[in-house]
Amino acid sequence: MCQTLCVKRNGQVLILTTLTIGGVLLGATTIAGLLMVHQIRQTTDLANSGKAIFAADTGLEWGLYQFFNPSASRSAPVMQNGATFITTCSPVALCTDIGTTVIKSIGRSANAGRAFELSL
């Protein structure tokens, strides 16, 4: 009688072990796939990241141009590749003010954003 019960329990342990190992492998595969998706997204967004960096650099140079040429009345440059930038000066509102100590520029392209800051 013990032999019949022992054989049934061994079969249950084998099924539980197989299901546990399968679950662990499925979880590891899911996590690895998720990490690969994130890496692929970062790689494809490399072009937008470059556009955002150059837009931020343009914004910083625009702030410096305004600082050194306060009487110039030119409009801000427009990026042809669709990227944009925002330039802020502090502690004053305008970069043309002599009290400007920090120029910060944030460049954006699609989902990528990059920023530069210059202390005078």
C-alpha atoms as a PDB file:
ATOM      1  CA  MET A   1       0.000   0.000   0.000  1.00  0.00           C
ATOM      2  CA  CYS A   2       2.881   2.393   0.725  1.00  0.00           C
ATOM      3  CA  GLN A   3       4.238   1.822  -2.730  1.00  0.00           C
ATOM      4  CA  THR A   4       1.052   3.102  -4.363  1.00  0.00           C
ATOM      5  CA  LEU A   5       0.959   6.297  -2.250  1.00  0.00           C
ATOM      6  CA  CYS A   6       4.699   6.959  -2.672  1.00  0.00           C
ATOM      7  CA  VAL A   7       4.464   6.673  -6.449  1.00  0.00           C
ATOM      8  CA  LYS A   8       1.544   9.155  -6.558  1.00  0.00           C
ATOM      9  CA  ARG A   9       3.456  11.645  -4.391  1.00  0.00           C
ATOM     10  CA  ASN A  10       6.585  11.345  -6.523  1.00  0.00           C
ATOM     11  CA  GLY A  11       4.502  12.192  -9.579  1.00  0.00           C
ATOM     12  CA  GLN A  12       3.066  15.254  -7.855  1.00  0.00           C
ATOM     13  CA  VAL A  13       6.536  16.456  -6.882  1.00  0.00           C
ATOM     14  CA  LEU A  14       7.723  15.992 -10.456  1.00  0.00           C
ATOM     15  CA  ILE A  15       4.813  18.051 -11.826  1.00  0.00           C
ATOM     16  CA  LEU A  16       5.308  20.812  -9.229  1.00  0.00           C
ATOM     17  CA  THR A  17       9.050  20.938  -9.934  1.00  0.00           C
ATOM     18  CA  THR A  18       8.444  21.141 -13.686  1.00  0.00           C
ATOM     19  CA  LEU A  19       5.874  23.927 -13.259  1.00  0.00           C
ATOM     20  CA  THR A  20       8.177  25.871 -10.916  1.00  0.00           C
ATOM     21  CA  ILE A  21      11.148  25.669 -13.269  1.00  0.00           C
ATOM     22  CA  GLY A  22       8.924  26.608 -16.206  1.00  0.00           C
ATOM     23  CA  GLY A  23       7.577  29.626 -14.292  1.00  0.00           C
ATOM     24  CA  VAL A  24      11.076  30.794 -13.396  1.00  0.00           C
ATOM     25  CA  LEU A  25      12.217  30.490 -17.024  1.00  0.00           C
ATOM     26  CA  LEU A  26       9.104  32.311 -18.251  1.00  0.00           C
ATOM     27  CA  GLY A  27       9.686  35.145 -15.759  1.00  0.00           C
ATOM     28  CA  ALA A  28      13.360  35.466 -16.686  1.00  0.00           C
ATOM     29  CA  THR A  29      12.522  35.494 -20.393  1.00  0.00           C
ATOM     30  CA  THR A  30       9.857  38.168 -19.861  1.00  0.00           C
ATOM     31  CA  ILE A  31      12.253  40.418 -17.929  1.00  0.00           C
ATOM     32  CA  ALA A  32      14.996  39.935 -20.544  1.00  0.00           C
ATOM     33  CA  GLY A  33      12.547  40.804 -23.331  1.00  0.00           C
ATOM     34  CA  LEU A  34      11.416  43.939 -21.508  1.00  0.00           C
ATOM     35  CA  LEU A  35      15.025  45.073 -21.063  1.00  0.00           C
ATOM     36  CA  MET A  36      15.698  44.471 -24.760  1.00  0.00           C
ATOM     37  CA  VAL A  37      12.670  46.566 -25.723  1.00  0.00           C
ATOM     38  CA  HIS A  38      13.990  49.458 -23.615  1.00  0.00           C
ATOM     39  CA  GLN A  39      17.442  49.180 -25.212  1.00  0.00           C
ATOM     40  CA  ILE A  40      15.944  49.153 -28.708  1.00  0.00           C
ATOM     41  CA  ARG A  41      13.879  52.245 -27.907  1.00  0.00           C
ATOM     42  CA  GLN A  42      16.991  54.050 -26.675  1.00  0.00           C
ATOM     43  CA  THR A  43      18.868  53.138 -29.837  1.00  0.00           C
ATOM     44  CA  THR A  44      16.110  54.334 -32.144  1.00  0.00           C
ATOM     45  CA  ASP A  45      15.785  57.582 -30.182  1.00  0.00           C
ATOM     46  CA  LEU A  46      19.483  58.353 -30.708  1.00  0.00           C
ATOM     47  CA  ALA A  47      18.723  60.644 -33.663  1.00  0.00           C
ATOM     48  CA  ASN A  48      16.254  62.671 -31.614  1.00  0.00           C
ATOM     49  CA  SER A  49      18.764  62.870 -28.769  1.00  0.00           C
ATOM     50  CA  GLY A  50      21.351  64.352 -31.142  1.00  0.00           C
ATOM     51  CA  LYS A  51      18.826  66.873 -32.433  1.00  0.00           C
ATOM     52  CA  ALA A  52      17.952  67.857 -28.853  1.00  0.00           C
ATOM     53  CA  ILE A  53      21.634  68.342 -27.940  1.00  0.00           C
ATOM     54  CA  PHE A  54      22.247  70.605 -30.920  1.00  0.00           C
ATOM     55  CA  ALA A  55      19.039  72.520 -30.196  1.00  0.00           C
ATOM     56  CA  ALA A  56      20.176  73.080 -26.590  1.00  0.00           C
ATOM     57  CA  ASP A  57      23.569  74.251 -27.854  1.00  0.00           C
ATOM     58  CA  THR A  58      21.851  76.660 -30.253  1.00  0.00           C
ATOM     59  CA  GLY A  59      19.745  78.017 -27.397  1.00  0.00           C
ATOM     60  CA  LEU A  60      22.831  78.566 -25.260  1.00  0.00           C
ATOM     61  CA  GLU A  61      24.564  80.417 -28.088  1.00  0.00           C
ATOM     62  CA  TRP A  62      21.387  82.466 -28.633  1.00  0.00           C
ATOM     63  CA  GLY A  63      21.463  83.484 -24.971  1.00  0.00           C
ATOM     64  CA  LEU A  64      25.127  84.476 -25.236  1.00  0.00           C
ATOM     65  CA  TYR A  65      24.402  86.457 -28.400  1.00  0.00           C
ATOM     66  CA  GLN A  66      21.660  88.369 -26.596  1.00  0.00           C
ATOM     67  CA  PHE A  67      23.945  88.967 -23.612  1.00  0.00           C
ATOM     68  CA  PHE A  68      26.813  90.385 -25.676  1.00  0.00           C
ATOM     69  CA  ASN A  69      24.583  92.241 -28.195  1.00  0.00           C
ATOM     70  CA  PRO A  70      21.747  93.711 -26.105  1.00  0.00           C
ATOM     71  CA  SER A  71      20.818  96.281 -28.742  1.00  0.00           C
ATOM     72  CA  ALA A  72      20.369  93.703 -31.547  1.00  0.00           C
ATOM     73  CA  SER A  73      16.755  93.061 -32.444  1.00  0.00           C
ATOM     74  CA  ARG A  74      16.963  89.709 -34.188  1.00  0.00           C
ATOM     75  CA  SER A  75      14.454  86.945 -33.694  1.00  0.00           C
ATOM     76  CA  ALA A  76      15.423  83.585 -32.250  1.00  0.00           C
ATOM     77  CA  PRO A  77      16.702  81.005 -34.741  1.00  0.00           C
ATOM     78  CA  VAL A  78      14.318  78.307 -35.955  1.00  0.00           C
ATOM     79  CA  MET A  79      15.591  74.746 -36.244  1.00  0.00           C
ATOM     80  CA  GLN A  80      14.937  73.180 -39.663  1.00  0.00           C
ATOM     81  CA  ASN A  81      14.866  69.613 -38.275  1.00  0.00           C
ATOM     82  CA  GLY A  82      11.827  70.179 -36.041  1.00  0.00           C
ATOM     83  CA  ALA A  83      13.741  70.500 -32.773  1.00  0.00           C
ATOM     84  CA  THR A  84      12.989  73.362 -30.395  1.00  0.00           C
ATOM     85  CA  PHE A  85      14.797  75.133 -27.586  1.00  0.00           C
ATOM     86  CA  ILE A  86      13.907  77.302 -24.613  1.00  0.00           C
ATOM     87  CA  THR A  87      16.505  79.703 -23.232  1.00  0.00           C
ATOM     88  CA  THR A  88      16.138  81.188 -19.761  1.00  0.00           C
ATOM     89  CA  CYS A  89      18.376  83.616 -17.935  1.00  0.00           C
ATOM     90  CA  SER A  90      18.598  84.157 -14.210  1.00  0.00           C
ATOM     91  CA  PRO A  91      18.346  85.880 -11.834  1.00  0.00           C
ATOM     92  CA  VAL A  92      16.933  88.403 -14.329  1.00  0.00           C
ATOM     93  CA  ALA A  93      14.227  87.755 -16.921  1.00  0.00           C
ATOM     94  CA  LEU A  94      16.111  88.821 -20.049  1.00  0.00           C
ATOM     95  CA  CYS A  95      19.499  87.689 -21.300  1.00  0.00           C
ATOM     96  CA  THR A  96      20.168  91.270 -22.469  1.00  0.00           C
ATOM     97  CA  ASP A  97      20.375  92.473 -18.837  1.00  0.00           C
ATOM     98  CA  ILE A  98      23.882  93.015 -17.444  1.00  0.00           C
ATOM     99  CA  GLY A  99      22.852  91.216 -14.237  1.00  0.00           C
ATOM    100  CA  THR A 100      22.574  87.856 -15.987  1.00  0.00           C
ATOM    101  CA  THR A 101      24.654  85.220 -14.187  1.00  0.00           C
ATOM    102  CA  VAL A 102      23.213  81.944 -15.520  1.00  0.00           C
ATOM    103  CA  ILE A 103      21.976  81.007 -18.991  1.00  0.00           C
ATOM    104  CA  LYS A 104      20.088  77.725 -19.272  1.00  0.00           C
ATOM    105  CA  SER A 105      18.927  76.150 -22.514  1.00  0.00           C
ATOM    106  CA  ILE A 106      16.674  73.115 -22.941  1.00  0.00           C
ATOM    107  CA  GLY A 107      16.530  71.451 -26.356  1.00  0.00           C
ATOM    108  CA  ARG A 108      13.707  69.099 -27.338  1.00  0.00           C
ATOM    109  CA  SER A 109      13.124  66.775 -30.267  1.00  0.00           C
ATOM    110  CA  ALA A 110      10.214  64.294 -30.140  1.00  0.00           C
ATOM    111  CA  ASN A 111      10.573  62.488 -26.780  1.00  0.00           C
ATOM    112  CA  ALA A 112      14.208  63.462 -26.173  1.00  0.00           C
ATOM    113  CA  GLY A 113      15.220  66.480 -24.119  1.00  0.00           C
ATOM    114  CA  ARG A 114      18.722  67.734 -23.322  1.00  0.00           C
ATOM    115  CA  ALA A 115      19.856  70.790 -21.363  1.00  0.00           C
ATOM    116  CA  PHE A 116      22.942  72.970 -21.037  1.00  0.00           C
ATOM    117  CA  GLU A 117      23.666  75.571 -18.402  1.00  0.00           C
ATOM    118  CA  LEU A 118      26.326  78.276 -18.474  1.00  0.00           C
ATOM    119  CA  SER A 119      27.435  80.292 -15.442  1.00  0.00           C
ATOM    120  CA  LEU A 120      28.889  83.711 -16.221  1.00  0.00           C
END
